[in-house]
Protein backbone atom coordinates (compact mmCIF):
# COMPACT_ATOMS: atom_id res chain seq x y z
CA MET A 1 145.62 -106.02 -142.89
CA ILE A 2 145.73 -108.11 -146.10
CA CYS A 3 149.54 -107.50 -146.51
CA THR A 4 150.01 -108.41 -142.81
CA THR A 5 148.32 -111.81 -143.75
CA LEU A 6 150.20 -112.43 -146.71
CA VAL A 7 153.24 -112.10 -144.74
CA GLN A 8 152.01 -114.24 -142.36
CA ALA A 9 150.98 -117.00 -145.04
CA GLN A 10 154.33 -116.88 -146.91
CA SER A 11 156.24 -116.97 -143.29
CA PHE A 12 154.36 -120.33 -142.44
CA HIS A 13 155.09 -121.38 -146.05
CA LYS A 14 158.09 -121.13 -145.84
CA LYS A 15 158.59 -122.87 -142.41
CA ASP A 16 156.88 -125.53 -143.72
CA LEU A 17 159.09 -126.28 -146.23
CA GLU A 18 162.31 -125.93 -144.45
CA PRO A 19 162.10 -128.83 -142.42
CA LYS A 20 160.94 -130.75 -145.75
CA GLN A 21 164.04 -129.69 -147.85
CA ASP A 22 166.13 -130.74 -144.94
CA SER A 23 164.54 -134.02 -144.68
CA ILE A 24 165.33 -134.72 -148.74
CA LYS A 25 168.74 -133.53 -148.18
CA LYS A 26 169.33 -135.86 -145.39
CA ARG A 27 167.99 -138.71 -147.33
CA ALA A 28 170.08 -137.65 -150.29
CA LEU A 29 173.19 -137.81 -148.09
CA LEU A 30 172.64 -141.11 -146.44
CA LYS A 31 172.01 -142.63 -150.13
CA SER A 32 175.09 -141.20 -151.15
CA LEU A 33 176.75 -142.76 -148.18
CA GLY A 34 175.39 -146.06 -148.49
CA ASN A 35 176.50 -146.35 -152.11
CA GLY A 36 180.25 -145.27 -151.00
CA PHE A 37 180.26 -141.55 -151.72
CA LEU A 38 180.58 -138.47 -149.34
CA PRO A 39 179.27 -135.72 -151.66
CA SER A 40 180.73 -132.06 -151.93
CA LYS A 41 180.39 -129.33 -154.30
CA HIS A 42 181.82 -130.91 -157.79
CA PHE A 43 183.71 -133.61 -156.61
CA ASN A 44 182.51 -137.11 -154.85
CA LEU A 45 184.73 -138.46 -152.39
CA ASP A 46 184.86 -142.49 -152.98
CA LEU A 47 184.81 -143.91 -149.41
CA ARG A 48 186.03 -147.04 -151.08
CA TYR A 49 189.86 -146.28 -150.83
CA LEU A 50 190.01 -144.61 -147.41
CA ILE A 51 191.23 -147.49 -145.45
CA LYS A 52 191.19 -151.49 -146.15
CA TYR A 53 193.62 -154.24 -145.04
CA ASN A 54 194.98 -157.17 -146.67
CA GLN A 55 197.55 -160.33 -146.27
CA TYR A 56 199.81 -158.64 -149.11
CA GLU A 57 199.24 -155.31 -148.61
CA GLY A 58 198.62 -154.89 -144.61
CA VAL A 59 197.16 -151.53 -144.23
CA ARG A 60 195.85 -149.88 -147.80
CA THR A 61 194.67 -146.65 -147.42
CA GLY A 62 194.33 -143.68 -150.34
CA ILE A 63 192.15 -141.29 -151.42
CA GLY A 64 189.67 -140.86 -154.78
CA GLY A 65 186.88 -139.99 -156.12
CA VAL A 66 184.73 -138.89 -159.12
CA THR A 67 183.21 -135.52 -160.63
CA ASN A 68 179.65 -134.69 -160.20
CA ARG A 69 176.83 -133.15 -162.25
CA ALA A 70 177.55 -130.22 -160.72
CA PHE A 71 180.74 -130.14 -162.25
CA SER A 72 179.34 -131.17 -165.59
CA GLU A 73 176.63 -133.49 -166.87
CA LYS A 74 178.44 -134.52 -170.06
CA TYR A 75 181.85 -135.20 -168.94
CA ARG A 76 183.31 -137.04 -165.70
CA LEU A 77 186.65 -137.50 -164.30
CA ASN A 78 187.76 -140.12 -161.70
CA SER A 79 190.67 -141.55 -160.03
CA TYR A 80 192.17 -142.59 -156.94
CA VAL A 81 195.74 -143.39 -155.46
CA VAL A 82 196.31 -146.07 -152.37
CA TYR A 83 199.34 -146.77 -150.54
CA GLY A 84 200.16 -150.40 -149.10
CA PHE A 85 202.35 -150.45 -146.01
CA ARG A 86 203.51 -153.67 -146.06
CA ASP A 87 204.51 -154.17 -149.98
CA HIS A 88 205.57 -150.10 -149.78
CA ARG A 89 203.76 -149.63 -153.29
CA PHE A 90 201.56 -147.08 -154.56
CA LYS A 91 198.75 -147.96 -157.02
CA TYR A 92 196.55 -145.57 -158.57
CA SER A 93 193.78 -145.02 -161.73
CA ILE A 94 193.35 -142.26 -163.83
CA GLY A 95 190.00 -142.28 -165.87
CA GLY A 96 187.36 -140.18 -167.66
CA GLY A 97 184.88 -140.18 -169.63
CA PHE A 98 182.10 -138.45 -171.94
CA ARG A 99 178.39 -138.64 -172.77
CA ILE A 100 177.48 -139.70 -176.01
CA ALA A 101 173.78 -139.71 -175.63
CA GLU A 102 171.40 -139.12 -172.87
CA LYS A 103 168.36 -141.05 -173.43
CA THR A 104 170.21 -144.36 -174.00
CA LYS A 105 172.64 -143.60 -171.13
CA THR A 106 176.00 -143.92 -173.60
CA TRP A 107 179.36 -142.83 -172.29
CA LEU A 108 182.70 -143.49 -173.62
CA ASN A 109 185.20 -144.14 -171.20
CA LEU A 110 189.02 -144.41 -171.00
CA SER A 111 191.13 -145.46 -168.27
CA TYR A 112 194.49 -146.14 -166.90
CA THR A 113 194.89 -148.38 -163.61
CA ASP A 114 198.20 -149.73 -162.00
CA ASP A 115 197.00 -151.93 -159.19
CA LEU A 116 196.18 -155.35 -157.35
CA GLN A 117 193.52 -157.99 -158.13
CA GLU A 118 192.74 -160.99 -156.46
CA THR A 119 193.61 -164.27 -158.47
CA GLY A 120 190.41 -166.41 -159.57
CA SER A 121 188.01 -163.38 -159.17
CA THR A 122 185.70 -161.94 -161.89
CA LYS A 123 184.43 -158.87 -162.18
CA PHE A 124 181.34 -158.03 -164.31
CA LEU A 125 181.54 -155.05 -166.27
CA THR A 126 177.82 -154.13 -165.56
CA ASP A 127 178.18 -154.03 -161.72
CA LYS A 128 179.14 -150.56 -161.57
CA ARG A 129 178.90 -150.12 -157.98
CA TYR A 130 179.81 -151.99 -155.22
CA PHE A 131 180.35 -151.05 -151.69
CA GLN A 132 180.44 -152.45 -148.15
CA PHE A 133 181.68 -150.62 -145.09
CA PHE A 134 183.25 -153.81 -144.03
CA GLU A 135 184.83 -156.39 -146.63
CA PRO A 136 185.08 -159.38 -144.59
CA ARG A 137 186.64 -161.16 -147.41
CA LEU A 138 189.98 -158.90 -147.93
CA LEU A 139 191.05 -159.24 -144.66
CA ASN A 140 192.55 -163.10 -145.47
CA ILE A 141 192.99 -162.82 -149.02
CA SER A 142 197.02 -163.75 -150.03
CA LEU A 143 196.84 -164.44 -153.74
CA PHE A 144 197.00 -160.96 -155.88
CA HIS A 145 198.41 -160.26 -158.94
CA LYS A 146 199.47 -156.84 -160.10
CA HIS A 147 198.45 -155.51 -163.24
CA ILE A 148 198.73 -152.53 -165.58
CA THR A 149 195.57 -152.00 -167.54
CA LYS A 150 194.77 -149.60 -170.20
CA ALA A 151 191.30 -149.69 -171.25
CA ILE A 152 188.57 -148.19 -173.37
CA ASN A 153 184.71 -148.99 -172.63
CA LEU A 154 180.95 -148.18 -174.04
CA GLU A 155 178.38 -148.27 -171.68
CA HIS A 156 174.97 -148.14 -173.43
CA GLN A 157 171.33 -148.66 -172.05
CA ILE A 158 169.75 -150.73 -174.99
CA THR A 159 166.59 -150.71 -172.68
CA PRO A 160 165.58 -149.46 -169.18
CA LYS A 161 165.79 -153.09 -168.30
CA LEU A 162 168.73 -154.37 -170.69
CA LEU A 163 172.10 -152.84 -169.99
CA SER A 164 175.51 -153.34 -171.78
CA GLU A 165 178.80 -152.73 -171.62
CA THR A 166 181.93 -153.38 -174.00
CA GLU A 167 185.61 -152.83 -173.42
CA LEU A 168 188.94 -153.41 -174.91
CA ALA A 169 191.99 -153.87 -172.59
CA ILE A 170 195.61 -154.12 -172.62
CA SER A 171 197.35 -155.65 -169.56
CA ASN A 172 200.48 -156.78 -168.28
CA ILE A 173 199.98 -158.87 -165.30
CA ASP A 174 202.88 -160.15 -162.79
CA PRO A 175 201.56 -162.36 -160.04
CA THR A 176 202.59 -161.30 -156.26
CA TYR A 177 203.28 -165.04 -155.90
CA ASN A 178 205.55 -167.71 -157.25
CA TYR A 179 203.86 -169.35 -159.96
CA ASN A 180 204.46 -170.32 -163.66
CA TYR A 181 202.60 -171.34 -166.52
CA LEU A 182 203.76 -173.62 -168.77
CA LEU A 183 202.99 -172.35 -172.40
CA ASP A 184 204.09 -174.02 -175.20
CA ASN A 185 206.44 -176.17 -172.79
CA ILE A 186 208.19 -172.80 -171.72
CA PRO A 187 207.47 -171.76 -168.02
CA ILE A 188 205.95 -167.91 -168.15
CA ASN A 189 205.61 -166.15 -164.62
CA SER A 190 204.63 -162.79 -166.88
CA PHE A 191 201.51 -162.21 -168.78
CA HIS A 192 200.41 -160.05 -171.55
CA LEU A 193 196.83 -159.81 -172.50
CA SER A 194 194.67 -158.28 -175.21
CA THR A 195 191.16 -158.75 -174.15
CA ALA A 196 187.57 -157.66 -175.62
CA LYS A 197 184.87 -157.84 -172.83
CA VAL A 198 181.14 -157.95 -173.79
CA GLY A 199 178.63 -157.51 -170.66
CA LEU A 200 175.05 -157.43 -170.21
CA GLN A 201 172.62 -157.21 -167.44
CA TRP A 202 169.20 -157.90 -167.64
CA ARG A 203 166.68 -156.86 -165.23
CA PRO A 204 163.33 -158.04 -167.07
CA PHE A 205 160.79 -157.86 -163.62
CA SER A 206 162.10 -154.48 -162.65
CA THR A 207 160.08 -151.52 -163.45
CA PHE A 208 160.93 -148.35 -164.34
CA LYS A 209 159.71 -144.77 -164.67
CA SER A 210 160.88 -142.00 -167.05
CA SER A 211 160.90 -138.47 -166.06
CA LYS A 212 163.46 -135.06 -167.50
CA LYS A 213 165.90 -136.21 -165.32
CA GLY A 214 165.85 -139.62 -166.66
CA THR A 215 164.85 -143.13 -166.03
CA LYS A 216 164.25 -144.40 -162.46
CA GLU A 217 163.94 -147.64 -161.28
CA THR A 218 160.69 -147.99 -159.23
CA LYS A 219 160.84 -151.49 -158.40
CA ASP A 220 163.62 -153.82 -158.21
CA GLY A 221 162.39 -157.14 -159.75
CA TYR A 222 163.99 -160.50 -159.65
CA PRO A 223 165.29 -162.63 -161.09
CA LYS A 224 167.92 -160.79 -162.33
CA PHE A 225 170.64 -162.24 -165.32
CA THR A 226 174.13 -160.86 -165.96
CA LEU A 227 176.17 -162.13 -168.74
CA GLN A 228 179.85 -161.37 -169.95
CA TYR A 229 181.94 -163.00 -172.81
CA THR A 230 185.93 -162.57 -172.28
CA LYS A 231 188.19 -162.97 -175.44
CA SER A 232 192.03 -162.99 -175.23
CA PHE A 233 193.66 -162.41 -178.51
CA LYS A 234 196.86 -163.90 -178.82
CA ASP A 235 199.66 -161.76 -180.75
CA VAL A 236 197.75 -158.76 -180.75
CA PHE A 237 199.52 -155.89 -179.09
CA GLY A 238 202.30 -158.25 -177.70
CA SER A 239 199.39 -160.59 -176.06
CA ASN A 240 201.10 -163.96 -175.45
CA PHE A 241 197.83 -166.01 -174.50
CA GLY A 242 194.60 -166.76 -176.41
CA PHE A 243 191.67 -167.99 -174.45
CA SER A 244 187.84 -167.42 -174.22
CA LYS A 245 185.51 -166.78 -171.11
CA PHE A 246 181.96 -167.05 -170.64
CA ASP A 247 180.69 -166.02 -167.37
CA PHE A 248 177.01 -166.32 -166.15
CA ARG A 249 174.99 -165.34 -162.70
CA THR A 250 171.55 -164.94 -161.65
CA LEU A 251 169.80 -163.33 -158.61
CA CYS A 252 166.38 -164.66 -157.34
CA LYS A 253 164.46 -163.26 -154.21
CA ILE A 254 161.29 -165.17 -153.31
CA GLY A 255 159.35 -163.51 -150.29
CA ASP A 256 158.46 -160.84 -148.91
CA GLU A 257 161.55 -159.03 -147.45
CA LYS A 258 159.65 -157.47 -144.43
CA GLY A 259 158.72 -160.95 -143.22
CA GLU A 260 160.20 -164.43 -144.62
CA PHE A 261 162.03 -164.39 -147.87
CA SER A 262 164.86 -166.60 -149.78
CA GLU A 263 167.78 -165.46 -151.99
CA ILE A 264 169.08 -167.87 -154.52
CA THR A 265 172.22 -166.96 -156.71
CA LEU A 266 173.33 -169.06 -159.20
CA VAL A 267 177.15 -168.23 -160.68
CA THR A 268 178.67 -170.20 -163.43
CA GLY A 269 181.87 -169.59 -165.63
CA ILE A 270 183.70 -171.74 -168.02
CA THR A 271 187.30 -171.02 -170.50
CA LYS A 272 188.68 -172.73 -173.00
CA GLY A 273 192.25 -172.10 -174.23
CA ASN A 274 195.35 -171.39 -172.39
CA THR A 275 194.15 -169.67 -169.14
CA PRO A 276 196.76 -168.30 -166.70
CA LEU A 277 195.67 -169.12 -163.10
CA THR A 278 195.13 -165.47 -162.50
CA HIS A 279 191.92 -165.40 -164.78
CA LEU A 280 190.38 -169.01 -163.89
CA TYR A 281 188.03 -169.59 -160.67
CA HIS A 282 188.29 -170.23 -157.17
CA ALA A 283 184.16 -170.03 -156.06
CA TYR A 284 185.01 -167.36 -153.09
CA PRO A 285 186.34 -169.20 -150.50
CA ASN A 286 186.38 -167.46 -146.86
CA ASN A 287 188.41 -169.68 -144.18
CA ILE A 288 192.14 -169.19 -143.26
CA THR A 289 194.56 -171.85 -142.81
CA LYS A 290 195.20 -172.06 -138.85
CA GLU A 291 194.65 -175.14 -136.01
CA THR A 292 191.74 -174.03 -134.24
CA ILE A 293 188.23 -173.01 -134.92
CA LEU A 294 189.17 -169.95 -132.53
CA GLN A 295 191.85 -168.98 -134.48
CA ARG A 296 189.94 -169.07 -137.80
CA PHE A 297 187.33 -166.66 -135.71
CA SER A 298 186.96 -164.08 -138.55
CA VAL A 299 184.22 -162.34 -140.15
CA ALA A 300 181.38 -164.16 -142.84
CA GLY A 301 181.23 -162.93 -146.06
CA LEU A 302 177.71 -162.14 -148.10
CA ASN A 303 178.50 -164.84 -150.61
CA SER A 304 181.47 -166.67 -149.95
CA PHE A 305 181.98 -170.57 -148.94
CA GLU A 306 182.89 -169.95 -145.12
CA THR A 307 184.35 -173.53 -144.77
CA MET A 308 186.35 -173.43 -147.57
CA TYR A 309 190.16 -172.60 -147.16
CA PHE A 310 191.93 -169.72 -149.39
CA ASN A 311 193.55 -171.20 -152.18
CA GLU A 312 192.50 -174.75 -151.97
CA PHE A 313 190.34 -175.28 -155.24
CA PHE A 314 190.67 -173.62 -158.71
CA SER A 315 188.68 -174.49 -161.75
CA ASP A 316 189.10 -173.60 -165.56
CA LYS A 317 184.85 -174.51 -165.28
CA PHE A 318 182.68 -174.41 -162.37
CA ALA A 319 179.27 -173.67 -160.91
CA THR A 320 178.05 -172.63 -157.68
CA PHE A 321 174.44 -172.19 -155.98
CA GLN A 322 173.73 -170.52 -152.83
CA LEU A 323 170.42 -170.57 -150.93
CA LYS A 324 169.62 -168.04 -147.94
CA HIS A 325 166.37 -168.08 -146.43
CA TYR A 326 165.61 -165.49 -144.04
CA LEU A 327 163.18 -166.03 -141.40
CA LYS A 328 161.16 -163.15 -140.05
CA PRO A 329 163.09 -160.89 -137.73
CA PHE A 330 162.60 -161.64 -133.83
CA ASN A 331 160.49 -158.79 -132.47
CA VAL A 332 162.12 -158.11 -129.20
CA SER A 333 161.60 -154.61 -129.22
CA GLU A 334 161.05 -151.39 -131.54
CA HIS A 335 164.68 -151.32 -132.62
CA TYR A 336 165.87 -154.13 -131.70
CA LYS A 337 165.00 -156.98 -134.07
CA PRO A 338 167.66 -159.81 -134.58
CA GLN A 339 167.19 -162.29 -137.72
CA MET A 340 168.17 -165.37 -138.52
CA VAL A 341 169.58 -166.81 -141.84
CA LEU A 342 169.43 -170.27 -143.18
CA ILE A 343 172.33 -171.23 -145.40
CA THR A 344 173.39 -173.81 -147.98
CA ARG A 345 175.99 -173.80 -150.47
CA PHE A 346 177.03 -176.11 -153.00
CA ALA A 347 180.16 -175.90 -155.94
CA ILE A 348 181.23 -178.04 -158.56
CA GLY A 349 184.06 -177.45 -160.98
CA GLU A 350 186.64 -178.77 -163.06
CA MET A 351 190.36 -178.27 -164.29
CA ASP A 352 191.80 -179.50 -167.57
CA ASN A 353 195.54 -179.76 -167.70
CA PRO A 354 196.37 -178.79 -163.96
CA GLU A 355 200.19 -179.79 -164.69
CA LYS A 356 200.55 -176.16 -166.91
CA HIS A 357 200.24 -174.49 -163.46
CA GLN A 358 203.46 -174.67 -161.52
CA ASN A 359 204.56 -174.27 -158.26
CA ILE A 360 200.98 -173.95 -156.38
CA THR A 361 199.16 -176.79 -155.36
CA PHE A 362 195.76 -177.06 -155.38
CA GLY A 363 192.36 -179.31 -155.66
CA SER A 364 189.55 -179.59 -157.98
CA LEU A 365 186.00 -179.47 -157.24
CA GLU A 366 184.58 -182.27 -159.30
CA LYS A 367 182.92 -184.16 -156.50
CA GLY A 368 180.81 -181.53 -155.39
CA TYR A 369 181.20 -179.02 -152.11
CA THR A 370 178.71 -178.31 -149.65
CA GLU A 371 178.32 -176.66 -146.68
CA SER A 372 175.07 -175.61 -144.67
CA GLY A 373 174.77 -173.29 -141.54
CA PHE A 374 172.85 -170.35 -140.36
CA GLU A 375 173.41 -166.75 -139.56
CA LEU A 376 171.74 -164.65 -136.43
CA ASN A 377 172.35 -161.33 -137.37
CA LYS A 378 172.14 -157.74 -135.90
CA LEU A 379 172.51 -158.62 -132.49
CA LEU A 380 174.49 -155.75 -131.44
CA PHE A 381 175.33 -152.80 -133.42
CA GLY A 382 174.88 -154.60 -136.95
CA PHE A 383 177.17 -157.66 -135.75
CA GLY A 384 176.16 -161.35 -135.41
CA LEU A 385 177.43 -164.80 -135.59
CA SER A 386 177.59 -167.40 -138.04
CA PHE A 387 177.89 -171.34 -137.88
CA THR A 388 178.55 -173.19 -140.89
CA TYR A 389 179.27 -177.00 -141.72
CA ARG A 390 181.30 -178.78 -144.15
CA TYR A 391 180.44 -182.18 -145.53
CA GLY A 392 179.92 -184.37 -148.29
CA SER A 393 183.06 -185.52 -150.86
CA TYR A 394 185.13 -182.86 -149.38
CA HIS A 395 184.60 -183.47 -145.59
CA LEU A 396 187.68 -183.21 -143.84
CA PRO A 397 188.79 -186.20 -141.30
CA GLU A 398 189.09 -183.97 -137.97
CA PHE A 399 185.60 -182.53 -137.29
CA SER A 400 186.60 -179.15 -136.21
CA ASP A 401 188.67 -178.70 -139.65
CA ASN A 402 184.77 -178.67 -141.09
CA VAL A 403 183.54 -175.87 -138.91
CA ALA A 404 183.64 -172.22 -139.21
CA PHE A 405 182.28 -169.67 -136.58
CA LYS A 406 182.44 -166.06 -137.60
CA PHE A 407 181.04 -162.76 -136.99
CA THR A 408 178.48 -161.26 -139.40
CA PHE A 409 178.29 -157.62 -140.23
CA ASN A 410 174.90 -156.11 -141.51
CA VAL A 411 174.35 -152.31 -141.58
CA SER A 412 172.33 -150.53 -144.07
CA LEU A 413 171.42 -147.00 -144.44
């Protein structure tokens, strides 16, 4: 009788555990997919490389991924290879790293990359992972530069609230468009850079909990601050450009995400010295040059200027301010809750010696650029609509040229 009771108790206990374990596994899978990974036993497939589209490559497809902790907790390998059907060219990256200190999450990484990068874009080293199921701006980008980059970097967690990353790199850069930089009165269309970067990310209002598995963030606090300094050394390993860049970003969130709240994003950057267009700033435009509003109808980005045309402005010093105010979702039904977002964006910038940038025409942002509008999100299957209007100093003569009417796309796992 006692034995029978014990067997029944163990059976019930096992049945109780199985649904919980399944639930934990499902949550872990959804979290991994939300970060852009499809996990397997020793290797996580990176979903970013499966398929994309842009104006230069057309359809871009490939495969990539990174080893996981089941493979090794001290070593990792990461790689990808993609192919562009319009430029008929393979791009790839091979890299790996090893852990120096577990407590401070200190890793030393090596990489070799042969790929494209959008001209005028800035990547922060400490932004380790960024994934969207759908990247709307990418569809219409036309200015890219090829780069072959050999890099070594060091990740180090100074404190749980303060992350750092340092990188030394050598790059050969070739614009895919007709462009020359006038260096010492000589036009140059191929750039060789030897750079050092130091990046810091400070999250003073986030809270963390330590365990045997490491430090885990338990509260996502705001504001957050990201700082990066880049130095290009002339005449070091064949580098023909010497310049300095200083980039800063802060993110702030005010209010309750379950109700009504605001997001504020401030980004600023400045570069000094001989800096080619590839390493300047474009303020993240997202409007294509077409005749009518409907011809320009596309998908709005998350933090881009929707009425600013691609390649319209470049700056060697700039600042952008974005305010997005999320109204409380409309409680239509339990599963249907559209949400309105009010948006205002401002950008200002300058360009010293624009005559050094040859075979390309662009404007400055010294008068200040403004646009405002709204989004109505999650109307159907994650899709919504946005309307933005350009006004102020850079208002255009034709009313329709100041209007951006687009889809939005918001999906979260």
